[in-house]
Amino acid sequence: MSDNHSKKRLFNSAGDSSESEGSGIYDERILIPVFASINWDIRTLCQMSCVNRKLRAVAKRILWREMCVYRAPQMITALTDGSPSGRIGGGWQAMAKLMFFCNGCRSSRHFQVGEPAPGHFVKTSRFSKTSGRSFLVKKCRNDLLYVSDPCEHPTGDKDDDLGIFRGVFWGFMRSRTRACLIRRQVELEEKIKCPFCGARVWSMTAARLVPKSAARRLGSMESGLEYFVCVNGHLHGACWLVPLSSDEGEEKVGDEDEDEGEDSSDEAFDGDYFYRGNQIVRNGQMGFSMV
């Protein structure tokens, strides 16, 4: 019997049993070592959280957090002041989604695309706080922001590829970025919500808080990007990636240190997953939920 089939039988049998029986499958002391033994496989955790409400509650209470800590220990330690057992802005479920999910892109008032780009799970994610500094204006450079490399989406109607990126602030409620947004009385967007936690967002383009270094870091034109930050400190955005010729090299941005090996976290998993509404679709079949 295949390993995947065994996992399905395990969680399907949990869904058939009565929730009042106190089965070990609902015991986090059993679930944690089980998931540790399979390296906190994101696919299995999504499957399990869809079985019933009790398992979904266990995942929300502890398993999403444990998976985040396992997959990106350095980043999570930095974002939680060294106490990953506590809370995180927007919740651990949203943090897990941000780590593994490219949210796609639709047209906004400052960024137009011909066709919407669908969201999807990513096979590899890399978040860097060195890259994050490029997305902060000079007066906010003391904020801590992790930003992913752009996920490249080829488009048929433009020569440039669409780049979609995401990120997260440490201590956003106390950040200088938030203070700037409040001081400038920037209004929250009416039609756009955070794709990770569902909270309302500010447009950094409308707030005029997009530094030139962000375009240089992404490999984009200054007028060809937009990103948003939600009230919980999650960042998402998109840009047009300018193709480089073979004789063009990377450009150092400002006075930033080239220490991304220490400051970044590499997250990876395999699978063919796409997002539709609140559901995760695998190979065209509706299945898992991350919300």
Protein backbone atom coordinates (compact mmCIF):
# COMPACT_ATOMS: atom_id res chain seq x y z
CA MET A 1 0.00 0.00 0.00
CA SER A 2 1.40 3.43 -0.97
CA ASP A 3 2.36 5.97 1.65
CA ASN A 4 -0.16 8.53 0.30
CA HIS A 5 -2.95 5.93 0.38
CA SER A 6 -2.12 5.12 4.00
CA LYS A 7 -2.40 8.82 4.92
CA LYS A 8 -5.81 9.08 3.25
CA ARG A 9 -7.10 5.99 5.09
CA LEU A 10 -5.83 7.37 8.38
CA PHE A 11 -7.67 10.69 8.10
CA ASN A 12 -10.78 9.28 6.41
CA SER A 13 -11.25 6.87 9.29
CA ALA A 14 -10.97 9.82 11.67
CA GLY A 15 -13.80 11.56 9.88
CA ASP A 16 -16.05 8.50 10.17
CA SER A 17 -15.62 8.13 13.92
CA SER A 18 -17.55 10.01 16.56
CA GLU A 19 -15.83 13.17 17.82
CA SER A 20 -16.86 12.32 21.38
CA GLU A 21 -14.84 9.11 21.47
CA GLY A 22 -11.61 10.90 22.37
CA SER A 23 -9.71 9.15 19.59
CA GLY A 24 -5.93 9.60 19.60
CA ILE A 25 -6.12 11.14 16.14
CA TYR A 26 -7.41 14.31 17.82
CA ASP A 27 -4.59 14.35 20.38
CA GLU A 28 -1.97 16.96 19.46
CA ARG A 29 0.64 14.98 21.40
CA ILE A 30 0.19 12.23 18.82
CA LEU A 31 -0.33 14.43 15.76
CA ILE A 32 2.85 16.48 16.27
CA PRO A 33 5.28 13.53 16.14
CA VAL A 34 3.26 12.01 13.27
CA PHE A 35 3.69 15.13 11.16
CA ALA A 36 7.31 15.50 12.26
CA SER A 37 7.95 12.01 10.91
CA ILE A 38 6.79 13.14 7.43
CA ASN A 39 8.65 16.47 7.60
CA TRP A 40 5.43 18.48 8.08
CA ASP A 41 4.15 17.74 4.61
CA ILE A 42 1.88 20.65 3.60
CA ARG A 43 -0.34 18.45 1.46
CA THR A 44 -1.10 16.03 4.28
CA LEU A 45 -1.80 18.84 6.72
CA CYS A 46 -4.25 20.44 4.26
CA GLN A 47 -5.98 17.07 3.81
CA MET A 48 -6.24 16.51 7.54
CA SER A 49 -7.66 19.96 8.25
CA CYS A 50 -10.50 19.25 5.79
CA VAL A 51 -11.65 16.02 7.44
CA ASN A 52 -13.86 17.60 10.12
CA ARG A 53 -14.18 20.61 12.35
CA LYS A 54 -12.35 19.08 15.29
CA LEU A 55 -9.23 18.27 13.28
CA ARG A 56 -9.43 21.71 11.67
CA ALA A 57 -9.48 23.25 15.14
CA VAL A 58 -6.40 21.24 16.19
CA ALA A 59 -4.58 22.39 13.07
CA LYS A 60 -5.54 26.02 13.69
CA ARG A 61 -4.57 25.89 17.35
CA ILE A 62 -1.14 24.28 17.05
CA LEU A 63 -0.26 22.39 13.86
CA TRP A 64 0.05 25.36 11.50
CA ARG A 65 2.37 26.99 13.99
CA GLU A 66 4.50 23.87 14.34
CA MET A 67 4.78 23.57 10.57
CA CYS A 68 5.89 27.20 10.20
CA VAL A 69 8.54 26.78 12.89
CA TYR A 70 9.81 23.59 11.26
CA ARG A 71 9.93 24.98 7.72
CA ALA A 72 11.40 28.44 8.46
CA PRO A 73 12.94 28.40 11.95
CA GLN A 74 15.15 31.48 11.54
CA MET A 75 12.44 33.66 10.06
CA ILE A 76 9.81 32.60 12.59
CA THR A 77 12.22 33.14 15.49
CA ALA A 78 12.86 36.68 14.24
CA LEU A 79 9.17 37.41 13.71
CA THR A 80 8.22 36.20 17.20
CA ASP A 81 11.10 37.70 19.23
CA GLY A 82 12.47 34.23 19.86
CA SER A 83 9.16 32.92 21.27
CA PRO A 84 7.53 30.90 18.46
CA SER A 85 5.09 29.32 20.91
CA GLY A 86 3.17 32.59 21.10
CA ARG A 87 0.88 34.41 18.69
CA ILE A 88 1.71 36.00 15.37
CA GLY A 89 -0.05 38.80 13.51
CA GLY A 90 -3.01 37.47 11.55
CA GLY A 91 -2.68 33.97 13.01
CA TRP A 92 -0.50 30.97 12.20
CA GLN A 93 -2.81 29.68 9.50
CA ALA A 94 -2.35 32.94 7.56
CA MET A 95 1.41 32.75 8.14
CA ALA A 96 1.52 29.23 6.71
CA LYS A 97 -0.48 30.34 3.67
CA LEU A 98 1.86 33.30 3.11
CA MET A 99 4.88 31.00 3.22
CA PHE A 100 3.61 28.50 0.66
CA PHE A 101 1.03 30.28 -1.48
CA CYS A 102 1.49 32.68 -4.41
CA ASN A 103 -1.69 34.75 -4.25
CA GLY A 104 -1.96 35.53 -7.96
CA CYS A 105 -2.84 38.96 -9.33
CA ARG A 106 -5.81 40.97 -10.56
CA SER A 107 -5.90 44.50 -11.92
CA SER A 108 -5.97 47.31 -9.38
CA ARG A 109 -6.24 51.07 -9.80
CA HIS A 110 -2.44 51.45 -10.01
CA PHE A 111 -1.54 48.18 -11.76
CA GLN A 112 -3.25 46.70 -14.79
CA VAL A 113 -3.02 43.14 -16.12
CA GLY A 114 -4.64 41.77 -19.26
CA GLU A 115 -5.80 38.54 -17.65
CA PRO A 116 -5.94 37.69 -13.93
CA ALA A 117 -3.13 35.41 -12.81
CA PRO A 118 -4.47 32.53 -10.67
CA GLY A 119 -3.02 31.81 -7.26
CA HIS A 120 -1.12 28.60 -6.65
CA PHE A 121 1.08 26.82 -4.17
CA VAL A 122 4.78 27.32 -4.82
CA LYS A 123 7.35 24.56 -4.99
CA THR A 124 10.11 26.77 -3.54
CA SER A 125 9.93 29.96 -1.50
CA ARG A 126 12.79 32.17 -0.34
CA PHE A 127 12.18 35.05 2.07
CA SER A 128 14.90 37.59 2.80
CA LYS A 129 15.03 40.50 5.23
CA THR A 130 17.82 42.02 3.12
CA SER A 131 15.37 42.12 0.20
CA GLY A 132 12.74 43.47 2.59
CA ARG A 133 14.84 46.58 3.31
CA SER A 134 14.55 47.48 -0.37
CA PHE A 135 10.78 47.83 0.07
CA LEU A 136 11.07 50.35 2.91
CA VAL A 137 11.53 54.09 2.49
CA LYS A 138 14.58 55.54 4.22
CA LYS A 139 12.72 56.75 7.30
CA CYS A 140 11.33 53.22 7.85
CA ARG A 141 14.52 51.24 7.28
CA ASN A 142 14.64 50.16 10.94
CA ASP A 143 11.49 48.07 10.41
CA LEU A 144 12.00 44.34 9.91
CA LEU A 145 10.34 43.05 6.75
CA TYR A 146 10.81 39.69 5.04
CA VAL A 147 9.98 39.60 1.31
CA SER A 148 9.95 36.64 -1.07
CA ASP A 149 11.57 36.43 -4.45
CA PRO A 150 9.00 37.20 -7.17
CA CYS A 151 7.09 34.24 -8.56
CA GLU A 152 7.34 34.57 -12.34
CA HIS A 153 4.16 34.25 -14.41
CA PRO A 154 4.60 34.36 -18.22
CA THR A 155 1.96 36.43 -20.01
CA GLY A 156 0.83 36.15 -23.60
CA ASP A 157 0.04 39.83 -24.21
CA LYS A 158 3.28 41.39 -22.94
CA ASP A 159 6.98 40.78 -23.42
CA ASP A 160 7.59 41.21 -19.70
CA ASP A 161 6.73 38.45 -17.23
CA LEU A 162 4.45 39.15 -14.29
CA GLY A 163 6.23 38.91 -10.95
CA ILE A 164 4.18 38.26 -7.82
CA PHE A 165 5.73 38.64 -4.38
CA ARG A 166 4.68 38.55 -0.74
CA GLY A 167 6.13 39.39 2.64
CA VAL A 168 5.56 39.92 6.34
CA PHE A 169 6.53 42.58 8.91
CA TRP A 170 7.81 41.94 12.40
CA GLY A 171 5.86 43.91 15.02
CA PHE A 172 3.81 45.79 12.45
CA MET A 173 1.63 47.53 15.05
CA ARG A 174 4.78 49.25 16.39
CA SER A 175 6.46 49.79 13.01
CA ARG A 176 7.44 53.10 11.47
CA THR A 177 5.73 52.02 8.25
CA ARG A 178 2.37 51.80 10.00
CA ALA A 179 3.05 55.10 11.77
CA CYS A 180 3.67 56.74 8.37
CA LEU A 181 0.43 55.34 6.98
CA ILE A 182 -1.54 56.61 9.98
CA ARG A 183 0.17 60.01 10.01
CA ARG A 184 -0.53 60.50 6.30
CA GLN A 185 -4.13 59.41 6.85
CA VAL A 186 -3.93 56.91 4.01
CA GLU A 187 -7.31 55.30 3.46
CA LEU A 188 -7.72 51.54 3.45
CA GLU A 189 -8.60 50.00 0.09
CA GLU A 190 -12.30 49.35 -0.46
CA LYS A 191 -12.14 46.39 -2.85
CA ILE A 192 -8.86 44.65 -2.01
CA LYS A 193 -8.31 42.39 1.00
CA CYS A 194 -5.27 40.53 2.23
CA PRO A 195 -5.13 37.17 0.41
CA PHE A 196 -3.65 35.51 3.50
CA CYS A 197 -5.73 36.71 6.46
CA GLY A 198 -8.62 38.56 4.78
CA ALA A 199 -7.90 41.88 6.54
CA ARG A 200 -8.13 45.29 4.91
CA VAL A 201 -5.05 46.71 3.20
CA TRP A 202 -3.27 49.96 2.39
CA SER A 203 -1.86 50.59 -1.07
CA MET A 204 1.79 51.56 -0.64
CA THR A 205 1.63 53.14 -4.10
CA ALA A 206 -1.26 55.39 -3.06
CA ALA A 207 0.63 56.19 0.15
CA ARG A 208 3.75 57.11 -1.86
CA LEU A 209 5.81 54.76 0.26
CA VAL A 210 7.33 52.72 -2.58
CA PRO A 211 11.08 53.43 -2.77
CA LYS A 212 13.03 53.23 -6.03
CA SER A 213 15.08 50.40 -4.52
CA ALA A 214 12.01 48.10 -4.64
CA ALA A 215 11.92 48.20 -8.45
CA ARG A 216 15.67 47.66 -8.65
CA ARG A 217 15.49 44.69 -6.30
CA LEU A 218 12.68 43.10 -8.30
CA GLY A 219 14.16 43.89 -11.72
CA SER A 220 11.18 46.04 -12.66
CA MET A 221 10.42 49.54 -13.91
CA GLU A 222 9.57 52.04 -11.16
CA SER A 223 6.11 52.59 -12.64
CA GLY A 224 5.55 48.86 -13.12
CA LEU A 225 4.80 47.62 -9.63
CA GLU A 226 2.34 47.92 -6.80
CA TYR A 227 2.11 46.33 -3.39
CA PHE A 228 -0.20 46.37 -0.42
CA VAL A 229 0.22 45.93 3.33
CA CYS A 230 -2.63 44.72 5.51
CA VAL A 231 -3.40 45.81 9.06
CA ASN A 232 -1.74 42.60 10.31
CA GLY A 233 1.52 43.33 8.50
CA HIS A 234 1.21 40.95 5.53
CA LEU A 235 2.52 42.30 2.22
CA HIS A 236 1.52 41.24 -1.27
CA GLY A 237 2.19 42.80 -4.65
CA ALA A 238 2.99 42.42 -8.31
CA CYS A 239 5.34 43.91 -10.88
CA TRP A 240 6.38 43.65 -14.51
CA LEU A 241 9.76 41.90 -14.67
CA VAL A 242 12.07 43.44 -17.24
CA PRO A 243 14.00 40.76 -19.13
CA LEU A 244 17.78 41.06 -18.75
CA SER A 245 20.14 40.65 -21.67
CA SER A 246 22.92 38.11 -21.37
CA ASP A 247 25.55 40.78 -20.63
CA GLU A 248 23.58 42.43 -17.82
CA GLY A 249 24.49 41.55 -14.28
CA GLU A 250 22.89 42.10 -10.90
CA GLU A 251 22.98 45.61 -9.47
CA LYS A 252 23.72 46.26 -5.83
CA VAL A 253 20.92 48.27 -4.23
CA GLY A 254 22.00 51.26 -2.14
CA ASP A 255 24.21 50.42 0.81
CA GLU A 256 22.60 47.08 1.57
CA ASP A 257 24.78 44.24 2.81
CA GLU A 258 24.97 41.20 0.60
CA ASP A 259 24.31 38.77 3.42
CA GLU A 260 21.22 37.02 2.13
CA GLY A 261 22.69 33.64 2.96
CA GLU A 262 22.29 34.47 6.65
CA ASP A 263 19.09 36.47 6.41
CA SER A 264 16.98 34.28 4.14
CA SER A 265 14.99 31.13 4.66
CA ASP A 266 14.43 28.57 1.92
CA GLU A 267 11.07 26.82 1.98
CA ALA A 268 10.21 24.07 -0.49
CA PHE A 269 7.70 21.35 -1.24
CA ASP A 270 6.45 19.56 -4.31
CA GLY A 271 2.95 19.38 -5.73
CA ASP A 272 0.59 20.68 -8.38
CA TYR A 273 -1.87 22.88 -6.51
CA PHE A 274 -4.04 25.84 -7.47
CA TYR A 275 -6.38 28.12 -5.52
CA ARG A 276 -10.08 28.58 -6.18
CA GLY A 277 -12.18 30.56 -3.73
CA ASN A 278 -11.43 29.16 -0.28
CA GLN A 279 -10.40 25.77 -1.62
CA ILE A 280 -7.20 24.25 -2.83
CA VAL A 281 -7.48 22.41 -6.13
CA ARG A 282 -5.11 19.57 -6.93
CA ASN A 283 -4.82 18.41 -10.54
CA GLY A 284 -8.20 19.99 -11.30
CA GLN A 285 -10.02 18.33 -8.36
CA MET A 286 -11.45 20.45 -5.54
CA GLY A 287 -9.99 19.36 -2.25
CA PHE A 288 -7.99 21.11 0.42
CA SER A 289 -8.80 24.25 2.39
CA MET A 290 -6.38 26.71 3.97
CA VAL A 291 -9.04 29.10 5.30
